[in-house]
Amino acid sequence: QSAVPTTGANSEFWTGKRKQRFWRAVQTILILIAAFIMLIPIIWIFL
């Protein structure tokens, strides 16, 4: 009986970690896209 909630807690923990990693990845991608858009004029001028 005690093993069941522990397994459920672990499952929720790992699900939360996956969600956290997913949103971090989304934020990183959005930041990179925004940085690339801002750098486009400078890159064009440099070339």
All heavy atoms as atom14 arrays in JSON, in Angstrom:
{
  "sequence": "QSAVPTTGANSEFWTGKRKQRFWRAVQTILILIAAFIMLIPIIWIFL",
  "atom14_mask": [
    [1, 1, 1, 1, 1, 1, 1, 1, 1, 0, 0, 0, 0, 0],
    [1, 1, 1, 1, 1, 1, 0, 0, 0, 0, 0, 0, 0, 0],
    [1, 1, 1, 1, 1, 0, 0, 0, 0, 0, 0, 0, 0, 0],
    [1, 1, 1, 1, 1, 1, 1, 0, 0, 0, 0, 0, 0, 0],
    [1, 1, 1, 1, 1, 1, 1, 0, 0, 0, 0, 0, 0, 0],
    [1, 1, 1, 1, 1, 1, 1, 0, 0, 0, 0, 0, 0, 0],
    [1, 1, 1, 1, 1, 1, 1, 0, 0, 0, 0, 0, 0, 0],
    [1, 1, 1, 1, 0, 0, 0, 0, 0, 0, 0, 0, 0, 0],
    [1, 1, 1, 1, 1, 0, 0, 0, 0, 0, 0, 0, 0, 0],
    [1, 1, 1, 1, 1, 1, 1, 1, 0, 0, 0, 0, 0, 0],
    [1, 1, 1, 1, 1, 1, 0, 0, 0, 0, 0, 0, 0, 0],
    [1, 1, 1, 1, 1, 1, 1, 1, 1, 0, 0, 0, 0, 0],
    [1, 1, 1, 1, 1, 1, 1, 1, 1, 1, 1, 0, 0, 0],
    [1, 1, 1, 1, 1, 1, 1, 1, 1, 1, 1, 1, 1, 1],
    [1, 1, 1, 1, 1, 1, 1, 0, 0, 0, 0, 0, 0, 0],
    [1, 1, 1, 1, 0, 0, 0, 0, 0, 0, 0, 0, 0, 0],
    [1, 1, 1, 1, 1, 1, 1, 1, 1, 0, 0, 0, 0, 0],
    [1, 1, 1, 1, 1, 1, 1, 1, 1, 1, 1, 0, 0, 0],
    [1, 1, 1, 1, 1, 1, 1, 1, 1, 0, 0, 0, 0, 0],
    [1, 1, 1, 1, 1, 1, 1, 1, 1, 0, 0, 0, 0, 0],
    [1, 1, 1, 1, 1, 1, 1, 1, 1, 1, 1, 0, 0, 0],
    [1, 1, 1, 1, 1, 1, 1, 1, 1, 1, 1, 0, 0, 0],
    [1, 1, 1, 1, 1, 1, 1, 1, 1, 1, 1, 1, 1, 1],
    [1, 1, 1, 1, 1, 1, 1, 1, 1, 1, 1, 0, 0, 0],
    [1, 1, 1, 1, 1, 0, 0, 0, 0, 0, 0, 0, 0, 0],
    [1, 1, 1, 1, 1, 1, 1, 0, 0, 0, 0, 0, 0, 0],
    [1, 1, 1, 1, 1, 1, 1, 1, 1, 0, 0, 0, 0, 0],
    [1, 1, 1, 1, 1, 1, 1, 0, 0, 0, 0, 0, 0, 0],
    [1, 1, 1, 1, 1, 1, 1, 1, 0, 0, 0, 0, 0, 0],
    [1, 1, 1, 1, 1, 1, 1, 1, 0, 0, 0, 0, 0, 0],
    [1, 1, 1, 1, 1, 1, 1, 1, 0, 0, 0, 0, 0, 0],
    [1, 1, 1, 1, 1, 1, 1, 1, 0, 0, 0, 0, 0, 0],
    [1, 1, 1, 1, 1, 1, 1, 1, 0, 0, 0, 0, 0, 0],
    [1, 1, 1, 1, 1, 0, 0, 0, 0, 0, 0, 0, 0, 0],
    [1, 1, 1, 1, 1, 0, 0, 0, 0, 0, 0, 0, 0, 0],
    [1, 1, 1, 1, 1, 1, 1, 1, 1, 1, 1, 0, 0, 0],
    [1, 1, 1, 1, 1, 1, 1, 1, 0, 0, 0, 0, 0, 0],
    [1, 1, 1, 1, 1, 1, 1, 1, 0, 0, 0, 0, 0, 0],
    [1, 1, 1, 1, 1, 1, 1, 1, 0, 0, 0, 0, 0, 0],
    [1, 1, 1, 1, 1, 1, 1, 1, 0, 0, 0, 0, 0, 0],
    [1, 1, 1, 1, 1, 1, 1, 0, 0, 0, 0, 0, 0, 0],
    [1, 1, 1, 1, 1, 1, 1, 1, 0, 0, 0, 0, 0, 0],
    [1, 1, 1, 1, 1, 1, 1, 1, 0, 0, 0, 0, 0, 0],
    [1, 1, 1, 1, 1, 1, 1, 1, 1, 1, 1, 1, 1, 1],
    [1, 1, 1, 1, 1, 1, 1, 1, 0, 0, 0, 0, 0, 0],
    [1, 1, 1, 1, 1, 1, 1, 1, 1, 1, 1, 0, 0, 0],
    [1, 1, 1, 1, 1, 1, 1, 1, 0, 0, 0, 0, 0, 0]
  ],
  "atom14_positions": [
    [[0.82, -1.2, 0.0], [0.0, 0.0, 0.0], [0.86, 1.26, 0.0], [0.55, 2.25, -0.64], [-0.92, 0.0, 1.22], [-1.98, -1.1, 1.15], [-2.86, -1.11, 2.39], [-2.59, -0.37, 3.34], [-3.87, -1.97, 2.39], [0.0, 0.0, 0.0], [0.0, 0.0, 0.0], [0.0, 0.0, 0.0], [0.0, 0.0, 0.0], [0.0, 0.0, 0.0]],
    [[1.96, 1.19, 0.76], [2.82, 2.37, 0.82], [3.59, 2.59, -0.48], [4.01, 3.7, -0.78], [3.81, 2.24, 1.98], [4.62, 1.09, 1.8], [0.0, 0.0, 0.0], [0.0, 0.0, 0.0], [0.0, 0.0, 0.0], [0.0, 0.0, 0.0], [0.0, 0.0, 0.0], [0.0, 0.0, 0.0], [0.0, 0.0, 0.0], [0.0, 0.0, 0.0]],
    [[3.78, 1.51, -1.24], [4.54, 1.64, -2.49], [3.75, 2.35, -3.57], [4.31, 2.98, -4.46], [4.98, 0.27, -3.0], [0.0, 0.0, 0.0], [0.0, 0.0, 0.0], [0.0, 0.0, 0.0], [0.0, 0.0, 0.0], [0.0, 0.0, 0.0], [0.0, 0.0, 0.0], [0.0, 0.0, 0.0], [0.0, 0.0, 0.0], [0.0, 0.0, 0.0]],
    [[2.43, 2.27, -3.52], [1.59, 2.84, -4.56], [1.69, 4.36, -4.62], [1.99, 4.94, -5.65], [0.12, 2.38, -4.39], [-0.77, 3.09, -5.39], [0.02, 0.88, -4.54], [0.0, 0.0, 0.0], [0.0, 0.0, 0.0], [0.0, 0.0, 0.0], [0.0, 0.0, 0.0], [0.0, 0.0, 0.0], [0.0, 0.0, 0.0], [0.0, 0.0, 0.0]],
    [[1.46, 5.08, -3.48], [1.58, 6.53, -3.54], [2.98, 7.01, -3.86], [3.17, 8.05, -4.48], [1.14, 6.98, -2.15], [1.29, 5.78, -1.28], [1.05, 4.61, -2.15], [0.0, 0.0, 0.0], [0.0, 0.0, 0.0], [0.0, 0.0, 0.0], [0.0, 0.0, 0.0], [0.0, 0.0, 0.0], [0.0, 0.0, 0.0], [0.0, 0.0, 0.0]],
    [[3.97, 6.22, -3.43], [5.35, 6.61, -3.74], [5.57, 6.6, -5.24], [6.17, 7.5, -5.82], [6.34, 5.65, -3.05], [6.09, 5.66, -1.65], [7.77, 6.07, -3.33], [0.0, 0.0, 0.0], [0.0, 0.0, 0.0], [0.0, 0.0, 0.0], [0.0, 0.0, 0.0], [0.0, 0.0, 0.0], [0.0, 0.0, 0.0], [0.0, 0.0, 0.0]],
    [[5.07, 5.55, -5.88], [5.2, 5.45, -7.34], [4.46, 6.59, -8.02], [4.94, 7.2, -8.96], [4.64, 4.1, -7.83], [5.33, 3.05, -7.15], [4.83, 3.96, -9.33], [0.0, 0.0, 0.0], [0.0, 0.0, 0.0], [0.0, 0.0, 0.0], [0.0, 0.0, 0.0], [0.0, 0.0, 0.0], [0.0, 0.0, 0.0], [0.0, 0.0, 0.0]],
    [[3.28, 6.91, -7.49], [2.52, 8.02, -8.05], [3.24, 9.33, -7.87], [3.27, 10.19, -8.76], [0.0, 0.0, 0.0], [0.0, 0.0, 0.0], [0.0, 0.0, 0.0], [0.0, 0.0, 0.0], [0.0, 0.0, 0.0], [0.0, 0.0, 0.0], [0.0, 0.0, 0.0], [0.0, 0.0, 0.0], [0.0, 0.0, 0.0], [0.0, 0.0, 0.0]],
    [[3.86, 9.54, -6.71], [4.6, 10.77, -6.46], [5.79, 10.88, -7.4], [6.09, 11.96, -7.94], [5.07, 10.8, -5.0], [0.0, 0.0, 0.0], [0.0, 0.0, 0.0], [0.0, 0.0, 0.0], [0.0, 0.0, 0.0], [0.0, 0.0, 0.0], [0.0, 0.0, 0.0], [0.0, 0.0, 0.0], [0.0, 0.0, 0.0], [0.0, 0.0, 0.0]],
    [[6.49, 9.74, -7.59], [7.62, 9.76, -8.51], [7.16, 10.08, -9.93], [7.83, 10.81, -10.67], [8.34, 8.41, -8.5], [9.12, 8.19, -7.21], [9.5, 9.17, -6.56], [9.35, 6.94, -6.84], [0.0, 0.0, 0.0], [0.0, 0.0, 0.0], [0.0, 0.0, 0.0], [0.0, 0.0, 0.0], [0.0, 0.0, 0.0], [0.0, 0.0, 0.0]],
    [[6.04, 9.52, -10.31], [5.5, 9.78, -11.65], [5.17, 11.25, -11.83], [5.51, 11.86, -12.86], [4.25, 8.93, -11.88], [3.69, 9.2, -13.15], [0.0, 0.0, 0.0], [0.0, 0.0, 0.0], [0.0, 0.0, 0.0], [0.0, 0.0, 0.0], [0.0, 0.0, 0.0], [0.0, 0.0, 0.0], [0.0, 0.0, 0.0], [0.0, 0.0, 0.0]],
    [[4.53, 11.84, -10.81], [4.2, 13.26, -10.9], [5.48, 14.11, -10.92], [5.56, 15.13, -11.62], [3.33, 13.66, -9.71], [1.93, 13.04, -9.74], [1.12, 13.43, -8.52], [1.66, 14.19, -7.69], [-0.02, 12.99, -8.41], [0.0, 0.0, 0.0], [0.0, 0.0, 0.0], [0.0, 0.0, 0.0], [0.0, 0.0, 0.0], [0.0, 0.0, 0.0]],
    [[6.48, 13.67, -10.15], [7.74, 14.41, -10.09], [8.41, 14.44, -11.46], [8.81, 15.5, -11.95], [8.68, 13.77, -9.07], [10.06, 14.34, -9.07], [10.32, 15.57, -8.47], [11.12, 13.66, -9.69], [11.6, 16.09, -8.47], [12.39, 14.19, -9.7], [12.64, 15.41, -9.08], [0.0, 0.0, 0.0], [0.0, 0.0, 0.0], [0.0, 0.0, 0.0]],
    [[8.5, 13.27, -12.1], [9.16, 13.2, -13.4], [8.33, 13.9, -14.48], [8.89, 14.5, -15.41], [9.43, 11.75, -13.8], [10.52, 11.13, -12.98], [10.4, 10.13, -12.06], [11.89, 11.5, -13.01], [11.61, 9.85, -11.49], [12.56, 10.67, -12.06], [12.63, 12.44, -13.71], [13.92, 10.78, -11.83], [13.98, 12.54, -13.48], [14.62, 11.71, -12.54]],
    [[7.01, 13.86, -14.34], [6.17, 14.59, -15.29], [6.4, 16.09, -15.17], [6.51, 16.82, -16.17], [4.68, 14.27, -15.04], [4.48, 12.86, -15.16], [3.8, 15.01, -16.03], [0.0, 0.0, 0.0], [0.0, 0.0, 0.0], [0.0, 0.0, 0.0], [0.0, 0.0, 0.0], [0.0, 0.0, 0.0], [0.0, 0.0, 0.0], [0.0, 0.0, 0.0]],
    [[6.5, 16.56, -13.9], [6.8, 17.98, -13.67], [8.15, 18.37, -14.22], [8.32, 19.46, -14.78], [0.0, 0.0, 0.0], [0.0, 0.0, 0.0], [0.0, 0.0, 0.0], [0.0, 0.0, 0.0], [0.0, 0.0, 0.0], [0.0, 0.0, 0.0], [0.0, 0.0, 0.0], [0.0, 0.0, 0.0], [0.0, 0.0, 0.0], [0.0, 0.0, 0.0]],
    [[9.15, 17.5, -14.06], [10.48, 17.79, -14.58], [10.47, 17.88, -16.1], [11.11, 18.76, -16.68], [11.46, 16.69, -14.14], [11.76, 16.69, -12.64], [12.64, 17.86, -12.23], [14.06, 17.67, -12.73], [14.96, 18.74, -12.26], [0.0, 0.0, 0.0], [0.0, 0.0, 0.0], [0.0, 0.0, 0.0], [0.0, 0.0, 0.0], [0.0, 0.0, 0.0]],
    [[9.69, 16.97, -16.74], [9.61, 17.01, -18.19], [8.94, 18.29, -18.67], [9.37, 18.89, -19.65], [8.86, 15.78, -18.7], [9.69, 14.49, -18.71], [9.04, 13.42, -19.56], [7.77, 12.99, -18.97], [7.65, 11.97, -18.11], [8.74, 11.29, -17.74], [6.49, 11.62, -17.63], [0.0, 0.0, 0.0], [0.0, 0.0, 0.0], [0.0, 0.0, 0.0]],
    [[7.89, 18.69, -17.97], [7.23, 19.95, -18.35], [8.17, 21.14, -18.18], [8.21, 22.04, -19.03], [5.98, 20.16, -17.49], [4.82, 19.22, -17.82], [3.62, 19.54, -16.96], [2.44, 18.63, -17.3], [1.25, 18.92, -16.45], [0.0, 0.0, 0.0], [0.0, 0.0, 0.0], [0.0, 0.0, 0.0], [0.0, 0.0, 0.0], [0.0, 0.0, 0.0]],
    [[8.93, 21.12, -17.09], [9.86, 22.22, -16.85], [10.93, 22.28, -17.94], [11.26, 23.37, -18.44], [10.51, 22.02, -15.48], [11.36, 23.2, -15.02], [11.92, 23.0, -13.63], [11.88, 21.9, -13.09], [12.44, 24.06, -13.05], [0.0, 0.0, 0.0], [0.0, 0.0, 0.0], [0.0, 0.0, 0.0], [0.0, 0.0, 0.0], [0.0, 0.0, 0.0]],
    [[11.45, 21.11, -18.3], [12.46, 21.08, -19.37], [11.86, 21.52, -20.7], [12.52, 22.21, -21.48], [13.03, 19.66, -19.48], [13.91, 19.25, -18.31], [14.35, 17.81, -18.46], [15.18, 17.38, -17.34], [15.6, 16.13, -17.17], [15.27, 15.19, -18.06], [16.36, 15.83, -16.12], [0.0, 0.0, 0.0], [0.0, 0.0, 0.0], [0.0, 0.0, 0.0]],
    [[10.62, 21.13, -20.95], [9.96, 21.5, -22.2], [9.83, 23.02, -22.31], [10.16, 23.61, -23.34], [8.58, 20.84, -22.28], [7.74, 21.33, -23.43], [8.0, 20.9, -24.72], [6.71, 22.25, -23.21], [7.23, 21.37, -25.78], [5.94, 22.7, -24.27], [6.21, 22.27, -25.55], [0.0, 0.0, 0.0], [0.0, 0.0, 0.0], [0.0, 0.0, 0.0]],
    [[9.35, 23.67, -21.24], [9.16, 25.11, -21.27], [10.49, 25.85, -21.31], [10.6, 26.92, -21.92], [8.33, 25.57, -20.07], [6.88, 25.21, -20.2], [6.17, 24.35, -19.43], [5.98, 25.69, -21.21], [4.87, 24.25, -19.87], [4.73, 25.07, -20.96], [6.1, 26.58, -22.27], [3.61, 25.31, -21.76], [4.99, 26.82, -23.07], [3.77, 26.2, -22.81]],
    [[11.51, 25.27, -20.67], [12.84, 25.87, -20.79], [13.33, 25.82, -22.23], [13.91, 26.78, -22.74], [13.83, 25.14, -19.88], [13.71, 25.52, -18.4], [14.77, 24.8, -17.58], [14.68, 25.14, -16.18], [15.44, 24.61, -15.23], [16.35, 23.69, -15.56], [15.3, 24.98, -13.96], [0.0, 0.0, 0.0], [0.0, 0.0, 0.0], [0.0, 0.0, 0.0]],
    [[13.1, 24.68, -22.89], [13.5, 24.54, -24.28], [12.74, 25.53, -25.16], [13.33, 26.16, -26.06], [13.26, 23.11, -24.75], [0.0, 0.0, 0.0], [0.0, 0.0, 0.0], [0.0, 0.0, 0.0], [0.0, 0.0, 0.0], [0.0, 0.0, 0.0], [0.0, 0.0, 0.0], [0.0, 0.0, 0.0], [0.0, 0.0, 0.0], [0.0, 0.0, 0.0]],
    [[11.45, 25.69, -24.91], [10.64, 26.65, -25.67], [11.17, 28.06, -25.47], [11.32, 28.83, -26.44], [9.15, 26.55, -25.27], [8.35, 27.68, -25.9], [8.58, 25.2, -25.67], [0.0, 0.0, 0.0], [0.0, 0.0, 0.0], [0.0, 0.0, 0.0], [0.0, 0.0, 0.0], [0.0, 0.0, 0.0], [0.0, 0.0, 0.0], [0.0, 0.0, 0.0]],
    [[11.45, 28.43, -24.22], [11.98, 29.76, -23.94], [13.32, 29.99, -24.63], [13.57, 31.06, -25.19], [12.12, 29.95, -22.43], [10.8, 30.03, -21.68], [10.98, 30.09, -20.18], [12.1, 30.01, -19.67], [9.88, 30.2, -19.45], [0.0, 0.0, 0.0], [0.0, 0.0, 0.0], [0.0, 0.0, 0.0], [0.0, 0.0, 0.0], [0.0, 0.0, 0.0]],
    [[14.18, 28.96, -24.59], [15.49, 29.09, -25.23], [15.34, 29.3, -26.73], [16.01, 30.16, -27.32], [16.34, 27.84, -24.96], [16.49, 27.65, -23.55], [17.71, 27.96, -25.61], [0.0, 0.0, 0.0], [0.0, 0.0, 0.0], [0.0, 0.0, 0.0], [0.0, 0.0, 0.0], [0.0, 0.0, 0.0], [0.0, 0.0, 0.0], [0.0, 0.0, 0.0]],
    [[14.43, 28.53, -27.35], [14.21, 28.66, -28.79], [13.68, 30.05, -29.13], [14.12, 30.69, -30.09], [13.24, 27.57, -29.28], [13.91, 26.19, -29.16], [12.82, 27.82, -30.72], [12.97, 25.04, -29.45], [0.0, 0.0, 0.0], [0.0, 0.0, 0.0], [0.0, 0.0, 0.0], [0.0, 0.0, 0.0], [0.0, 0.0, 0.0], [0.0, 0.0, 0.0]],
    [[12.73, 30.54, -28.34], [12.16, 31.87, -28.59], [13.22, 32.95, -28.44], [13.26, 33.91, -29.22], [10.99, 32.12, -27.64], [9.73, 31.28, -27.87], [8.69, 31.58, -26.79], [9.15, 31.55, -29.25], [0.0, 0.0, 0.0], [0.0, 0.0, 0.0], [0.0, 0.0, 0.0], [0.0, 0.0, 0.0], [0.0, 0.0, 0.0], [0.0, 0.0, 0.0]],
    [[14.09, 32.82, -27.43], [15.15, 33.8, -27.23], [16.12, 33.79, -28.41], [16.55, 34.85, -28.9], [15.9, 33.52, -25.91], [14.99, 33.81, -24.71], [17.18, 34.36, -25.82], [15.57, 33.4, -23.38], [0.0, 0.0, 0.0], [0.0, 0.0, 0.0], [0.0, 0.0, 0.0], [0.0, 0.0, 0.0], [0.0, 0.0, 0.0], [0.0, 0.0, 0.0]],
    [[16.48, 32.58, -28.87], [17.38, 32.47, -30.01], [16.77, 33.07, -31.27], [17.45, 33.75, -32.05], [17.75, 31.0, -30.25], [18.65, 30.36, -29.18], [18.83, 28.88, -29.47], [19.99, 31.06, -29.1], [0.0, 0.0, 0.0], [0.0, 0.0, 0.0], [0.0, 0.0, 0.0], [0.0, 0.0, 0.0], [0.0, 0.0, 0.0], [0.0, 0.0, 0.0]],
    [[15.47, 32.83, -31.47], [14.78, 33.4, -32.63], [14.77, 34.92, -32.55], [15.05, 35.62, -33.54], [13.34, 32.84, -32.73], [13.37, 31.35, -33.06], [12.55, 33.61, -33.8], [12.0, 30.7, -33.05], [0.0, 0.0, 0.0], [0.0, 0.0, 0.0], [0.0, 0.0, 0.0], [0.0, 0.0, 0.0], [0.0, 0.0, 0.0], [0.0, 0.0, 0.0]],
    [[14.44, 35.46, -31.37], [14.42, 36.91, -31.19], [15.81, 37.51, -31.41], [15.95, 38.56, -32.05], [13.9, 37.26, -29.8], [0.0, 0.0, 0.0], [0.0, 0.0, 0.0], [0.0, 0.0, 0.0], [0.0, 0.0, 0.0], [0.0, 0.0, 0.0], [0.0, 0.0, 0.0], [0.0, 0.0, 0.0], [0.0, 0.0, 0.0], [0.0, 0.0, 0.0]],
    [[16.84, 36.84, -30.88], [18.21, 37.33, -31.05], [18.61, 37.31, -32.53], [19.26, 38.25, -33.02], [19.19, 36.48, -30.23], [0.0, 0.0, 0.0], [0.0, 0.0, 0.0], [0.0, 0.0, 0.0], [0.0, 0.0, 0.0], [0.0, 0.0, 0.0], [0.0, 0.0, 0.0], [0.0, 0.0, 0.0], [0.0, 0.0, 0.0], [0.0, 0.0, 0.0]],
    [[18.22, 36.26, -33.22], [18.55, 36.16, -34.65], [17.87, 37.27, -35.45], [18.48, 37.88, -36.33], [18.13, 34.79, -35.18], [18.4, 34.6, -36.65], [19.68, 34.42, -37.11], [17.35, 34.63, -37.56], [19.94, 34.26, -38.47], [17.59, 34.47, -38.92], [18.89, 34.29, -39.37], [0.0, 0.0, 0.0], [0.0, 0.0, 0.0], [0.0, 0.0, 0.0]],
    [[16.6, 37.54, -35.13], [15.87, 38.6, -35.83], [16.54, 39.96, -35.59], [16.68, 40.78, -36.51], [14.4, 38.64, -35.36], [13.67, 37.37, -35.83], [13.69, 39.88, -35.89], [12.26, 37.24, -35.3], [0.0, 0.0, 0.0], [0.0, 0.0, 0.0], [0.0, 0.0, 0.0], [0.0, 0.0, 0.0], [0.0, 0.0, 0.0], [0.0, 0.0, 0.0]],
    [[16.98, 40.2, -34.35], [17.65, 41.48, -34.05], [19.01, 41.58, -34.71], [19.47, 42.68, -35.04], [17.78, 41.64, -32.53], [16.46, 41.9, -31.82], [16.67, 42.28, -30.06], [17.24, 40.68, -29.45], [0.0, 0.0, 0.0], [0.0, 0.0, 0.0], [0.0, 0.0, 0.0], [0.0, 0.0, 0.0], [0.0, 0.0, 0.0], [0.0, 0.0, 0.0]],
    [[19.67, 40.43, -34.9], [21.02, 40.45, -35.47], [21.02, 40.47, -37.0], [22.06, 40.73, -37.61], [21.8, 39.23, -34.99], [22.25, 39.25, -33.52], [22.9, 37.92, -33.16], [23.21, 40.39, -33.26], [0.0, 0.0, 0.0], [0.0, 0.0, 0.0], [0.0, 0.0, 0.0], [0.0, 0.0, 0.0], [0.0, 0.0, 0.0], [0.0, 0.0, 0.0]],
    [[19.86, 40.19, -37.63], [19.79, 40.15, -39.09], [20.31, 41.44, -39.72], [21.13, 41.41, -40.65], [18.36, 39.82, -39.57], [18.07, 38.33, -39.37], [18.19, 40.19, -41.04], [16.66, 37.93, -39.76], [0.0, 0.0, 0.0], [0.0, 0.0, 0.0], [0.0, 0.0, 0.0], [0.0, 0.0, 0.0], [0.0, 0.0, 0.0], [0.0, 0.0, 0.0]],
    [[19.85, 42.64, -39.28], [20.39, 43.87, -39.91], [21.9, 44.01, -39.75], [22.59, 44.45, -40.69], [19.65, 44.99, -39.16], [18.42, 44.35, -38.6], [18.84, 42.95, -38.27], [0.0, 0.0, 0.0], [0.0, 0.0, 0.0], [0.0, 0.0, 0.0], [0.0, 0.0, 0.0], [0.0, 0.0, 0.0], [0.0, 0.0, 0.0], [0.0, 0.0, 0.0]],
    [[22.43, 43.66, -38.56], [23.87, 43.78, -38.34], [24.63, 42.8, -39.23], [25.68, 43.13, -39.8], [24.19, 43.55, -36.86], [23.52, 44.63, -35.99], [25.71, 43.57, -36.62], [23.72, 44.45, -34.51], [0.0, 0.0, 0.0], [0.0, 0.0, 0.0], [0.0, 0.0, 0.0], [0.0, 0.0, 0.0], [0.0, 0.0, 0.0], [0.0, 0.0, 0.0]],
    [[24.1, 41.57, -39.34], [24.74, 40.58, -40.21], [24.74, 41.05, -41.66], [25.74, 40.92, -42.38], [24.02, 39.22, -40.07], [24.2, 38.67, -38.65], [24.55, 38.22, -41.09], [23.39, 37.42, -38.37], [0.0, 0.0, 0.0], [0.0, 0.0, 0.0], [0.0, 0.0, 0.0], [0.0, 0.0, 0.0], [0.0, 0.0, 0.0], [0.0, 0.0, 0.0]],
    [[23.6, 41.61, -42.09], [23.5, 42.1, -43.47], [24.5, 43.22, -43.71], [25.18, 43.26, -44.75], [22.08, 42.58, -43.75], [21.84, 42.92, -45.2], [21.38, 42.11, -46.18], [22.1, 44.2, -45.82], [21.33, 42.79, -47.37], [21.76, 44.07, -47.18], [22.58, 45.42, -45.35], [21.88, 45.13, -48.08], [22.71, 46.48, -46.24], [22.35, 46.32, -47.59]],
    [[24.6, 44.16, -42.77], [25.55, 45.28, -42.91], [26.98, 44.76, -42.97], [27.79, 45.2, -43.78], [25.38, 46.27, -41.75], [24.04, 47.0, -41.88], [26.53, 47.27, -41.72], [23.72, 47.89, -40.7], [0.0, 0.0, 0.0], [0.0, 0.0, 0.0], [0.0, 0.0, 0.0], [0.0, 0.0, 0.0], [0.0, 0.0, 0.0], [0.0, 0.0, 0.0]],
    [[27.29, 43.79, -42.11], [28.64, 43.23, -42.07], [29.0, 42.57, -43.4], [30.1, 42.77, -43.93], [28.76, 42.22, -40.94], [30.12, 41.61, -40.8], [31.13, 42.29, -40.15], [30.39, 40.36, -41.34], [32.41, 41.73, -40.04], [31.65, 39.79, -41.23], [32.67, 40.48, -40.58], [0.0, 0.0, 0.0], [0.0, 0.0, 0.0], [0.0, 0.0, 0.0]],
    [[28.07, 41.8, -43.96], [28.34, 41.14, -45.24], [28.42, 42.14, -46.37], [29.3, 42.05, -47.24], [27.24, 40.11, -45.52], [27.16, 38.9, -44.57], [25.97, 38.01, -44.93], [28.45, 38.09, -44.62], [0.0, 0.0, 0.0], [0.0, 0.0, 0.0], [0.0, 0.0, 0.0], [0.0, 0.0, 0.0], [0.0, 0.0, 0.0], [0.0, 0.0, 0.0]]
  ]
}
